[in-house]
Every structure is written in C-alpha cells, then in structure tokens.
Amino acid sequence: MSKKISSDEMEKVAEKIRKKYNDIIVSYMLSPRIKEGFDDRYNEIKKYGVDPLRFFNDEITALKDIEQKEKEKINKAAKNKNIEHNENNNKETDKKDFADKVIEQIFKKIEKYPTFFIHQNANKEIEKLFGALIDFDKNMWKEYENIAKKYRVIKYDLAYINLEKMLNNFTRIFSGNVTVRLLNYKNMLNSPFSKTNNIDKEEKSCIMESAFLIKMLMDTANGLIDYPHILKEEKEKLQKLINYLDIMLDDFRLKDLLLFRNKK
C-alpha cells in the first residue's frame, strides 16, 4: 500500500516540480504551456483522488525526458554545423554535454550584472535584468541628462517626460522593496491563489517591456548625438551609453524578441 502524504506535502512537491519546469522553460526557451499542462494534470489528480506519488514520479520522469531531448537537439545542431571544441579545454570541461555548455554561456553573459532580489521564486533572469536597469539608471543615465540639459529643454519635452516616467517605474524603489513595475509580479508570487500561467504572462510582460525601454533609451541617446554643435567628447559619452545598452540587449537575448515583435 502506498504511503499517504498530506496536502501540504503534495503542494511542496508540486511547487518543486513547477520550479523545475520553469528552469527548463527558461534554459531551453520552451513554451510555458508545458508548465500549464502540469497544473491541469495536477488539478485532475486532486479532483479524482489519483495516487499523488505515482503522478509526481511520472512528472519527474517526463521532465527528465524533455530536458534530455532538448540537449540532444542542441548537440545535433552543433554536430551538423561542425562546431569544434576548443583544444585547450581541460578534461573536466570536455566531459560536459555541449548543451550544458550552451546554457552556461547564456547565464555567464548576465552574471556580470547586479541581481535585484524580488522573491525567492522569482525568475532569476528577471532579477538580473532589473538589476542591470537599476544600475544603469543610477550610474550611467545621468550622463545623458547632463548633456541633454545643455542642448535641449527636456523639462518640457513630452517624449522625454514619458521615458523618464517609465524608467522611474522600472528602476526607482518606492514601496514594498521593489520597483513600481515589479510590484504586481511580487504580489502574484506571494499569493497562493496566483495561477502559474498568469505568473508566466507577467514575466513575459516584464521582459518585453524592459526590451522596449532599453530600445527607447538607445533611440533617445542616438537622437541627441545628431544635435548641431555637440562636442566630440559628449558624442563619445553618448555612444558609450548606446553601446552599453546594445550589449545589454544582446546579453539578455532581447534583440530577437524586439525583431519578432516588430514583424507582427
């Protein structure tokens, strides 16, 4: 006879499985629907009293299969393109699966950015993304403002006012230890009634809107470069900002996201 587990224990196991689904979705850029499918199945087994231990075991097995298949796809693509391994790699590195290396490279790109803690269950890439935006606003955007005040009346520029408001919502911490833009996301993570698919949608919105914000900041700085009589060193400072933001788009894999959105 199977050992019975309490409702609290079931929820703890289910949450761990959701987290694993989330990790796989982020790592391999899969559809969030696979996690939604888990929640649908989980609700069904609770409704009809199916053995939860067997259900959880099947889900864990399915997760391993999904991860293995995604790794195999990456390995096959690498083989077809004749990707050569670096001969200087040590033996420990050579033992690693190529797919693992790809994932490591993705997260290594964003490791240099500060982490902004949102919630223990928050998407780690979002915490890095907002950490990068907050750091940029605090340490670099002032350079643009100083130059803009010299050549433009930005106080009465409606486009700039809207951009500044958006930037403040993303980077200034007013209450709840998070920025205005992240407040809803944090509340959803705190609530036991939040649906996984709604959290996924909010995460997507945070990422997409961040991409648009970065693009707007770049466009605004680019617009100032073309002003007449602007000094060479001022152009260089603005170009440095633009280059930094462009690298941020690349590091967080946001360029393809913007391109796809523009084609819609």
C-alpha atoms as a PDB file:
ATOM      1  CA  MET A   1       0.000   0.000   0.000  1.00  0.00           C
ATOM      2  CA  SER A   2       1.351   3.428  -0.951  1.00  0.00           C
ATOM      3  CA  LYS A   3       2.336   5.812   1.779  1.00  0.00           C
ATOM      4  CA  LYS A   4      -0.164   8.665   2.036  1.00  0.00           C
ATOM      5  CA  ILE A   5       1.093  12.232   2.003  1.00  0.00           C
ATOM      6  CA  SER A   6      -0.616  15.308   3.369  1.00  0.00           C
ATOM      7  CA  SER A   7      -1.986  18.178   1.282  1.00  0.00           C
ATOM      8  CA  ASP A   8       0.882  20.426   2.443  1.00  0.00           C
ATOM      9  CA  GLU A   9       3.443  17.839   1.365  1.00  0.00           C
ATOM     10  CA  MET A  10       1.718  17.496  -2.007  1.00  0.00           C
ATOM     11  CA  GLU A  11       1.873  21.269  -2.544  1.00  0.00           C
ATOM     12  CA  LYS A  12       5.574  21.379  -1.632  1.00  0.00           C
ATOM     13  CA  VAL A  13       6.379  18.646  -4.157  1.00  0.00           C
ATOM     14  CA  ALA A  14       4.193  20.311  -6.797  1.00  0.00           C
ATOM     15  CA  GLU A  15       5.977  23.641  -6.276  1.00  0.00           C
ATOM     16  CA  LYS A  16       9.377  21.986  -6.741  1.00  0.00           C
ATOM     17  CA  ILE A  17       8.178  20.421  -9.978  1.00  0.00           C
ATOM     18  CA  ARG A  18       6.828  23.808 -11.157  1.00  0.00           C
ATOM     19  CA  LYS A  19      10.225  25.357 -10.434  1.00  0.00           C
ATOM     20  CA  LYS A  20      11.929  22.637 -12.476  1.00  0.00           C
ATOM     21  CA  TYR A  21       9.506  23.279 -15.351  1.00  0.00           C
ATOM     22  CA  ASN A  22      10.283  26.975 -15.094  1.00  0.00           C
ATOM     23  CA  ASP A  23      14.051  26.300 -15.168  1.00  0.00           C
ATOM     24  CA  ILE A  24      13.708  24.150 -18.287  1.00  0.00           C
ATOM     25  CA  ILE A  25      11.437  26.705 -19.997  1.00  0.00           C
ATOM     26  CA  VAL A  26      13.966  29.499 -19.360  1.00  0.00           C
ATOM     27  CA  SER A  27      17.060  27.426 -20.202  1.00  0.00           C
ATOM     28  CA  TYR A  28      15.749  25.974 -23.453  1.00  0.00           C
ATOM     29  CA  MET A  29      13.314  28.795 -24.341  1.00  0.00           C
ATOM     30  CA  LEU A  30      10.313  26.447 -24.419  1.00  0.00           C
ATOM     31  CA  SER A  31       6.624  27.304 -24.356  1.00  0.00           C
ATOM     32  CA  PRO A  32       5.183  27.994 -20.872  1.00  0.00           C
ATOM     33  CA  ARG A  33       2.293  25.735 -21.897  1.00  0.00           C
ATOM     34  CA  ILE A  34       4.267  22.706 -20.723  1.00  0.00           C
ATOM     35  CA  LYS A  35       4.051  24.040 -17.161  1.00  0.00           C
ATOM     36  CA  GLU A  36       0.378  24.903 -17.607  1.00  0.00           C
ATOM     37  CA  GLY A  37      -0.164  21.290 -18.647  1.00  0.00           C
ATOM     38  CA  PHE A  38       1.332  20.116 -15.370  1.00  0.00           C
ATOM     39  CA  ASP A  39      -1.073  22.301 -13.376  1.00  0.00           C
ATOM     40  CA  ASP A  40      -4.031  20.980 -15.370  1.00  0.00           C
ATOM     41  CA  ARG A  41      -2.987  17.383 -14.696  1.00  0.00           C
ATOM     42  CA  TYR A  42      -2.296  18.126 -11.032  1.00  0.00           C
ATOM     43  CA  ASN A  43      -5.785  19.583 -10.564  1.00  0.00           C
ATOM     44  CA  GLU A  44      -7.273  16.486 -12.179  1.00  0.00           C
ATOM     45  CA  ILE A  45      -5.498  14.020  -9.874  1.00  0.00           C
ATOM     46  CA  LYS A  46      -6.592  16.027  -6.828  1.00  0.00           C
ATOM     47  CA  LYS A  47     -10.145  16.079  -8.115  1.00  0.00           C
ATOM     48  CA  TYR A  48     -10.349  12.325  -8.719  1.00  0.00           C
ATOM     49  CA  GLY A  49      -8.140  11.145  -5.871  1.00  0.00           C
ATOM     50  CA  VAL A  50      -5.400   9.591  -8.039  1.00  0.00           C
ATOM     51  CA  ASP A  51      -2.268   8.370  -6.230  1.00  0.00           C
ATOM     52  CA  PRO A  52      -0.136  11.562  -5.999  1.00  0.00           C
ATOM     53  CA  LEU A  53       3.156   9.707  -5.524  1.00  0.00           C
ATOM     54  CA  ARG A  54       2.777   7.851  -8.810  1.00  0.00           C
ATOM     55  CA  PHE A  55       1.674  11.074 -10.527  1.00  0.00           C
ATOM     56  CA  PHE A  56       4.691  13.012  -9.229  1.00  0.00           C
ATOM     57  CA  ASN A  57       7.022  10.205 -10.249  1.00  0.00           C
ATOM     58  CA  ASP A  58       5.606  10.257 -13.800  1.00  0.00           C
ATOM     59  CA  GLU A  59       6.003  14.052 -13.963  1.00  0.00           C
ATOM     60  CA  ILE A  60       9.639  13.908 -12.832  1.00  0.00           C
ATOM     61  CA  THR A  61      10.337  11.235 -15.439  1.00  0.00           C
ATOM     62  CA  ALA A  62       8.653  13.383 -18.105  1.00  0.00           C
ATOM     63  CA  LEU A  63      10.758  16.388 -17.074  1.00  0.00           C
ATOM     64  CA  LYS A  64      13.948  14.374 -17.443  1.00  0.00           C
ATOM     65  CA  ASP A  65      12.828  13.226 -20.899  1.00  0.00           C
ATOM     66  CA  ILE A  66      12.085  16.795 -22.012  1.00  0.00           C
ATOM     67  CA  GLU A  67      15.468  18.026 -20.798  1.00  0.00           C
ATOM     68  CA  GLN A  68      17.293  15.131 -22.444  1.00  0.00           C
ATOM     69  CA  LYS A  69      15.540  15.693 -25.773  1.00  0.00           C
ATOM     70  CA  GLU A  70      16.361  19.416 -25.722  1.00  0.00           C
ATOM     71  CA  LYS A  71      20.014  18.631 -25.005  1.00  0.00           C
ATOM     72  CA  GLU A  72      20.064  16.162 -27.870  1.00  0.00           C
ATOM     73  CA  LYS A  73      18.654  18.819 -30.223  1.00  0.00           C
ATOM     74  CA  ILE A  74      21.440  21.230 -29.309  1.00  0.00           C
ATOM     75  CA  ASN A  75      24.078  18.519 -29.651  1.00  0.00           C
ATOM     76  CA  LYS A  76      22.728  17.503 -33.060  1.00  0.00           C
ATOM     77  CA  ALA A  77      22.681  21.123 -34.259  1.00  0.00           C
ATOM     78  CA  ALA A  78      26.249  21.566 -33.072  1.00  0.00           C
ATOM     79  CA  LYS A  79      27.356  18.408 -34.853  1.00  0.00           C
ATOM     80  CA  ASN A  80      25.658  19.420 -38.114  1.00  0.00           C
ATOM     81  CA  LYS A  81      27.398  22.766 -38.061  1.00  0.00           C
ATOM     82  CA  ASN A  82      30.749  21.106 -37.364  1.00  0.00           C
ATOM     83  CA  ILE A  83      31.302  23.063 -34.195  1.00  0.00           C
ATOM     84  CA  GLU A  84      34.801  22.262 -32.990  1.00  0.00           C
ATOM     85  CA  HIS A  85      35.612  22.016 -29.332  1.00  0.00           C
ATOM     86  CA  ASN A  86      38.386  24.197 -28.050  1.00  0.00           C
ATOM     87  CA  GLU A  87      41.521  22.039 -27.854  1.00  0.00           C
ATOM     88  CA  ASN A  88      42.602  23.906 -24.757  1.00  0.00           C
ATOM     89  CA  ASN A  89      39.557  22.766 -22.764  1.00  0.00           C
ATOM     90  CA  ASN A  90      40.562  20.687 -19.770  1.00  0.00           C
ATOM     91  CA  LYS A  91      39.326  17.120 -19.274  1.00  0.00           C
ATOM     92  CA  GLU A  92      36.617  18.167 -16.826  1.00  0.00           C
ATOM     93  CA  THR A  93      35.169  20.617 -19.344  1.00  0.00           C
ATOM     94  CA  ASP A  94      35.272  18.013 -22.132  1.00  0.00           C
ATOM     95  CA  LYS A  95      33.097  15.727 -20.059  1.00  0.00           C
ATOM     96  CA  LYS A  96      30.311  18.258 -20.096  1.00  0.00           C
ATOM     97  CA  ASP A  97      27.482  17.904 -22.537  1.00  0.00           C
ATOM     98  CA  PHE A  98      27.552  20.580 -25.256  1.00  0.00           C
ATOM     99  CA  ALA A  99      24.020  21.638 -24.318  1.00  0.00           C
ATOM    100  CA  ASP A 100      25.179  22.268 -20.755  1.00  0.00           C
ATOM    101  CA  LYS A 101      27.943  24.463 -22.133  1.00  0.00           C
ATOM    102  CA  VAL A 102      25.458  26.492 -24.184  1.00  0.00           C
ATOM    103  CA  ILE A 103      23.271  27.079 -21.134  1.00  0.00           C
ATOM    104  CA  GLU A 104      26.314  28.024 -19.056  1.00  0.00           C
ATOM    105  CA  GLN A 105      27.369  30.530 -21.714  1.00  0.00           C
ATOM    106  CA  ILE A 106      23.902  32.123 -21.677  1.00  0.00           C
ATOM    107  CA  PHE A 107      23.973  32.655 -17.923  1.00  0.00           C
ATOM    108  CA  LYS A 108      27.634  33.675 -17.904  1.00  0.00           C
ATOM    109  CA  LYS A 109      26.684  36.625 -20.105  1.00  0.00           C
ATOM    110  CA  ILE A 110      24.336  38.019 -17.468  1.00  0.00           C
ATOM    111  CA  GLU A 111      26.340  37.024 -14.410  1.00  0.00           C
ATOM    112  CA  LYS A 112      28.272  40.334 -14.551  1.00  0.00           C
ATOM    113  CA  TYR A 113      25.102  42.337 -13.905  1.00  0.00           C
ATOM    114  CA  PRO A 114      23.903  43.009 -10.339  1.00  0.00           C
ATOM    115  CA  THR A 115      20.997  40.940  -9.035  1.00  0.00           C
ATOM    116  CA  PHE A 116      17.904  42.739  -7.780  1.00  0.00           C
ATOM    117  CA  PHE A 117      16.103  40.436  -5.347  1.00  0.00           C
ATOM    118  CA  ILE A 118      12.358  40.242  -5.968  1.00  0.00           C
ATOM    119  CA  HIS A 119      11.162  36.982  -4.406  1.00  0.00           C
ATOM    120  CA  GLN A 120      12.585  33.539  -3.653  1.00  0.00           C
ATOM    121  CA  ASN A 121      10.525  32.081  -6.530  1.00  0.00           C
ATOM    122  CA  ALA A 122      11.194  34.898  -8.990  1.00  0.00           C
ATOM    123  CA  ASN A 123      12.704  34.244 -12.403  1.00  0.00           C
ATOM    124  CA  LYS A 124      16.463  34.724 -11.891  1.00  0.00           C
ATOM    125  CA  GLU A 125      16.897  36.219 -15.358  1.00  0.00           C
ATOM    126  CA  ILE A 126      14.331  38.923 -14.497  1.00  0.00           C
ATOM    127  CA  GLU A 127      16.193  39.678 -11.263  1.00  0.00           C
ATOM    128  CA  LYS A 128      19.371  40.154 -13.289  1.00  0.00           C
ATOM    129  CA  LEU A 129      17.591  42.215 -15.969  1.00  0.00           C
ATOM    130  CA  PHE A 130      16.087  44.654 -13.481  1.00  0.00           C
ATOM    131  CA  GLY A 131      19.362  44.738 -11.559  1.00  0.00           C
ATOM    132  CA  ALA A 132      21.069  45.835 -14.782  1.00  0.00           C
ATOM    133  CA  LEU A 133      18.436  48.524 -15.462  1.00  0.00           C
ATOM    134  CA  ILE A 134      18.618  49.904 -11.913  1.00  0.00           C
ATOM    135  CA  ASP A 135      22.413  50.003 -12.075  1.00  0.00           C
ATOM    136  CA  PHE A 136      22.310  51.782 -15.464  1.00  0.00           C
ATOM    137  CA  ASP A 137      19.841  54.388 -14.211  1.00  0.00           C
ATOM    138  CA  LYS A 138      21.860  55.002 -11.063  1.00  0.00           C
ATOM    139  CA  ASN A 139      25.346  55.145 -12.560  1.00  0.00           C
ATOM    140  CA  MET A 140      25.107  55.971 -16.272  1.00  0.00           C
ATOM    141  CA  TRP A 141      21.865  57.688 -17.348  1.00  0.00           C
ATOM    142  CA  LYS A 142      22.826  60.905 -15.523  1.00  0.00           C
ATOM    143  CA  GLU A 143      25.470  61.411 -18.220  1.00  0.00           C
ATOM    144  CA  TYR A 144      22.736  61.691 -20.839  1.00  0.00           C
ATOM    145  CA  GLU A 145      20.698  64.100 -18.709  1.00  0.00           C
ATOM    146  CA  ASN A 146      23.672  66.415 -18.184  1.00  0.00           C
ATOM    147  CA  ILE A 147      24.315  66.657 -21.923  1.00  0.00           C
ATOM    148  CA  ALA A 148      20.611  66.892 -22.804  1.00  0.00           C
ATOM    149  CA  LYS A 149      20.072  69.855 -20.461  1.00  0.00           C
ATOM    150  CA  LYS A 150      22.767  71.717 -22.357  1.00  0.00           C
ATOM    151  CA  TYR A 151      21.189  71.251 -25.795  1.00  0.00           C
ATOM    152  CA  ARG A 152      17.503  70.548 -25.181  1.00  0.00           C
ATOM    153  CA  VAL A 153      14.717  71.821 -22.929  1.00  0.00           C
ATOM    154  CA  ILE A 154      13.994  68.296 -21.681  1.00  0.00           C
ATOM    155  CA  LYS A 155      11.791  69.573 -18.858  1.00  0.00           C
ATOM    156  CA  TYR A 156       9.047  70.354 -21.378  1.00  0.00           C
ATOM    157  CA  ASP A 157       9.743  67.504 -23.789  1.00  0.00           C
ATOM    158  CA  LEU A 158       6.687  65.210 -23.612  1.00  0.00           C
ATOM    159  CA  ALA A 159       8.546  62.238 -25.122  1.00  0.00           C
ATOM    160  CA  TYR A 160      11.310  62.611 -22.545  1.00  0.00           C
ATOM    161  CA  ILE A 161       8.810  63.004 -19.683  1.00  0.00           C
ATOM    162  CA  ASN A 162       7.135  59.728 -20.708  1.00  0.00           C
ATOM    163  CA  LEU A 163      10.501  57.977 -20.978  1.00  0.00           C
ATOM    164  CA  GLU A 164      11.599  59.289 -17.579  1.00  0.00           C
ATOM    165  CA  LYS A 165       8.338  58.098 -16.007  1.00  0.00           C
ATOM    166  CA  MET A 166       8.778  54.627 -17.494  1.00  0.00           C
ATOM    167  CA  LEU A 167      12.409  54.484 -16.366  1.00  0.00           C
ATOM    168  CA  ASN A 168      11.404  55.520 -12.846  1.00  0.00           C
ATOM    169  CA  ASN A 169       8.737  52.803 -12.730  1.00  0.00           C
ATOM    170  CA  PHE A 170      11.328  50.209 -13.677  1.00  0.00           C
ATOM    171  CA  THR A 171      14.231  51.382 -11.544  1.00  0.00           C
ATOM    172  CA  ARG A 172      13.147  53.502  -8.557  1.00  0.00           C
ATOM    173  CA  ILE A 173      12.192  51.688  -5.366  1.00  0.00           C
ATOM    174  CA  PHE A 174       9.295  53.429  -3.637  1.00  0.00           C
ATOM    175  CA  SER A 175       7.484  50.750  -1.591  1.00  0.00           C
ATOM    176  CA  GLY A 176       7.443  47.035  -0.970  1.00  0.00           C
ATOM    177  CA  ASN A 177      11.207  46.822  -1.585  1.00  0.00           C
ATOM    178  CA  VAL A 178      10.621  46.550  -5.334  1.00  0.00           C
ATOM    179  CA  THR A 179      10.107  48.967  -8.189  1.00  0.00           C
ATOM    180  CA  VAL A 180       6.615  50.007  -9.302  1.00  0.00           C
ATOM    181  CA  ARG A 181       6.803  47.768 -12.378  1.00  0.00           C
ATOM    182  CA  LEU A 182       7.659  44.723 -10.263  1.00  0.00           C
ATOM    183  CA  LEU A 183       5.062  45.251  -7.545  1.00  0.00           C
ATOM    184  CA  ASN A 184       2.335  43.241  -9.304  1.00  0.00           C
ATOM    185  CA  TYR A 185       4.802  40.439 -10.108  1.00  0.00           C
ATOM    186  CA  LYS A 186       5.918  40.219  -6.470  1.00  0.00           C
ATOM    187  CA  ASN A 187       2.306  40.238  -5.229  1.00  0.00           C
ATOM    188  CA  MET A 188       1.476  37.389  -7.622  1.00  0.00           C
ATOM    189  CA  LEU A 189       4.423  35.352  -6.330  1.00  0.00           C
ATOM    190  CA  ASN A 190       3.335  35.998  -2.733  1.00  0.00           C
ATOM    191  CA  SER A 191      -0.264  34.968  -3.338  1.00  0.00           C
ATOM    192  CA  PRO A 192      -1.198  31.273  -3.021  1.00  0.00           C
ATOM    193  CA  PHE A 193      -4.101  31.928  -5.402  1.00  0.00           C
ATOM    194  CA  SER A 194      -1.978  33.077  -8.356  1.00  0.00           C
ATOM    195  CA  LYS A 195      -2.155  30.779 -11.370  1.00  0.00           C
ATOM    196  CA  THR A 196       1.101  29.659 -12.928  1.00  0.00           C
ATOM    197  CA  ASN A 197       0.083  30.756 -16.414  1.00  0.00           C
ATOM    198  CA  ASN A 198      -0.717  34.269 -15.117  1.00  0.00           C
ATOM    199  CA  ILE A 199       2.699  34.484 -13.484  1.00  0.00           C
ATOM    200  CA  ASP A 200       4.287  33.356 -16.763  1.00  0.00           C
ATOM    201  CA  LYS A 201       2.417  36.094 -18.655  1.00  0.00           C
ATOM    202  CA  GLU A 202       3.577  38.710 -16.163  1.00  0.00           C
ATOM    203  CA  GLU A 203       7.172  37.534 -16.519  1.00  0.00           C
ATOM    204  CA  LYS A 204       6.914  37.787 -20.298  1.00  0.00           C
ATOM    205  CA  SER A 205       5.480  41.303 -19.991  1.00  0.00           C
ATOM    206  CA  CYS A 206       8.321  42.369 -17.686  1.00  0.00           C
ATOM    207  CA  ILE A 207      10.907  41.095 -20.171  1.00  0.00           C
ATOM    208  CA  MET A 208       9.209  42.528 -23.258  1.00  0.00           C
ATOM    209  CA  GLU A 209       8.636  45.943 -21.692  1.00  0.00           C
ATOM    210  CA  SER A 210      12.248  46.003 -20.480  1.00  0.00           C
ATOM    211  CA  ALA A 211      13.384  45.361 -24.053  1.00  0.00           C
ATOM    212  CA  PHE A 212      11.273  48.275 -25.309  1.00  0.00           C
ATOM    213  CA  LEU A 213      12.597  50.538 -22.542  1.00  0.00           C
ATOM    214  CA  ILE A 214      16.210  49.757 -23.434  1.00  0.00           C
ATOM    215  CA  LYS A 215      15.471  50.412 -27.116  1.00  0.00           C
ATOM    216  CA  MET A 216      13.808  53.748 -26.245  1.00  0.00           C
ATOM    217  CA  LEU A 217      16.809  54.785 -24.154  1.00  0.00           C
ATOM    218  CA  MET A 218      19.122  53.961 -27.069  1.00  0.00           C
ATOM    219  CA  ASP A 219      16.953  55.887 -29.556  1.00  0.00           C
ATOM    220  CA  THR A 220      16.829  58.907 -27.244  1.00  0.00           C
ATOM    221  CA  ALA A 221      20.616  58.973 -26.826  1.00  0.00           C
ATOM    222  CA  ASN A 222      21.068  58.483 -30.588  1.00  0.00           C
ATOM    223  CA  GLY A 223      18.789  61.458 -31.249  1.00  0.00           C
ATOM    224  CA  LEU A 224      20.955  63.721 -29.113  1.00  0.00           C
ATOM    225  CA  ILE A 225      24.176  62.718 -30.895  1.00  0.00           C
ATOM    226  CA  ASP A 226      22.932  64.388 -34.094  1.00  0.00           C
ATOM    227  CA  TYR A 227      22.384  67.772 -32.441  1.00  0.00           C
ATOM    228  CA  PRO A 228      24.408  70.613 -34.013  1.00  0.00           C
ATOM    229  CA  HIS A 229      27.423  71.978 -32.110  1.00  0.00           C
ATOM    230  CA  ILE A 230      27.554  68.980 -29.773  1.00  0.00           C
ATOM    231  CA  LEU A 231      31.147  68.407 -28.642  1.00  0.00           C
ATOM    232  CA  LYS A 232      33.205  65.398 -29.655  1.00  0.00           C
ATOM    233  CA  GLU A 233      33.696  64.199 -26.066  1.00  0.00           C
ATOM    234  CA  GLU A 234      29.969  64.500 -25.469  1.00  0.00           C
ATOM    235  CA  LYS A 235      29.261  62.347 -28.519  1.00  0.00           C
ATOM    236  CA  GLU A 236      31.712  59.784 -27.197  1.00  0.00           C
ATOM    237  CA  LYS A 237      29.935  59.687 -23.829  1.00  0.00           C
ATOM    238  CA  LEU A 238      26.573  59.197 -25.518  1.00  0.00           C
ATOM    239  CA  GLN A 239      27.977  56.494 -27.777  1.00  0.00           C
ATOM    240  CA  LYS A 240      29.326  54.712 -24.712  1.00  0.00           C
ATOM    241  CA  LEU A 241      25.799  54.654 -23.245  1.00  0.00           C
ATOM    242  CA  ILE A 242      24.352  53.344 -26.508  1.00  0.00           C
ATOM    243  CA  ASN A 243      26.995  50.623 -26.781  1.00  0.00           C
ATOM    244  CA  TYR A 244      26.369  49.541 -23.189  1.00  0.00           C
ATOM    245  CA  LEU A 245      22.618  49.256 -23.780  1.00  0.00           C
ATOM    246  CA  ASP A 246      23.183  47.389 -27.039  1.00  0.00           C
ATOM    247  CA  ILE A 247      25.344  44.831 -25.209  1.00  0.00           C
ATOM    248  CA  MET A 248      22.616  44.522 -22.568  1.00  0.00           C
ATOM    249  CA  LEU A 249      20.064  43.680 -25.275  1.00  0.00           C
ATOM    250  CA  ASP A 250      22.416  41.031 -26.610  1.00  0.00           C
ATOM    251  CA  ASP A 251      23.340  39.545 -23.228  1.00  0.00           C
ATOM    252  CA  PHE A 252      19.691  39.109 -22.236  1.00  0.00           C
ATOM    253  CA  ARG A 253      18.711  37.770 -25.697  1.00  0.00           C
ATOM    254  CA  LEU A 254      16.293  40.666 -26.246  1.00  0.00           C
ATOM    255  CA  LYS A 255      17.227  41.603 -29.813  1.00  0.00           C
ATOM    256  CA  ASP A 256      15.398  38.672 -31.379  1.00  0.00           C
ATOM    257  CA  LEU A 257      12.429  39.429 -29.140  1.00  0.00           C
ATOM    258  CA  LEU A 258      12.224  43.001 -30.444  1.00  0.00           C
ATOM    259  CA  LEU A 259      12.706  41.842 -34.030  1.00  0.00           C
ATOM    260  CA  PHE A 260       9.932  39.255 -33.707  1.00  0.00           C
ATOM    261  CA  ARG A 261       7.577  41.814 -32.139  1.00  0.00           C
ATOM    262  CA  ASN A 262       8.241  44.338 -34.914  1.00  0.00           C
ATOM    263  CA  LYS A 263       7.405  41.767 -37.595  1.00  0.00           C
ATOM    264  CA  LYS A 264       3.982  41.054 -36.060  1.00  0.00           C
END
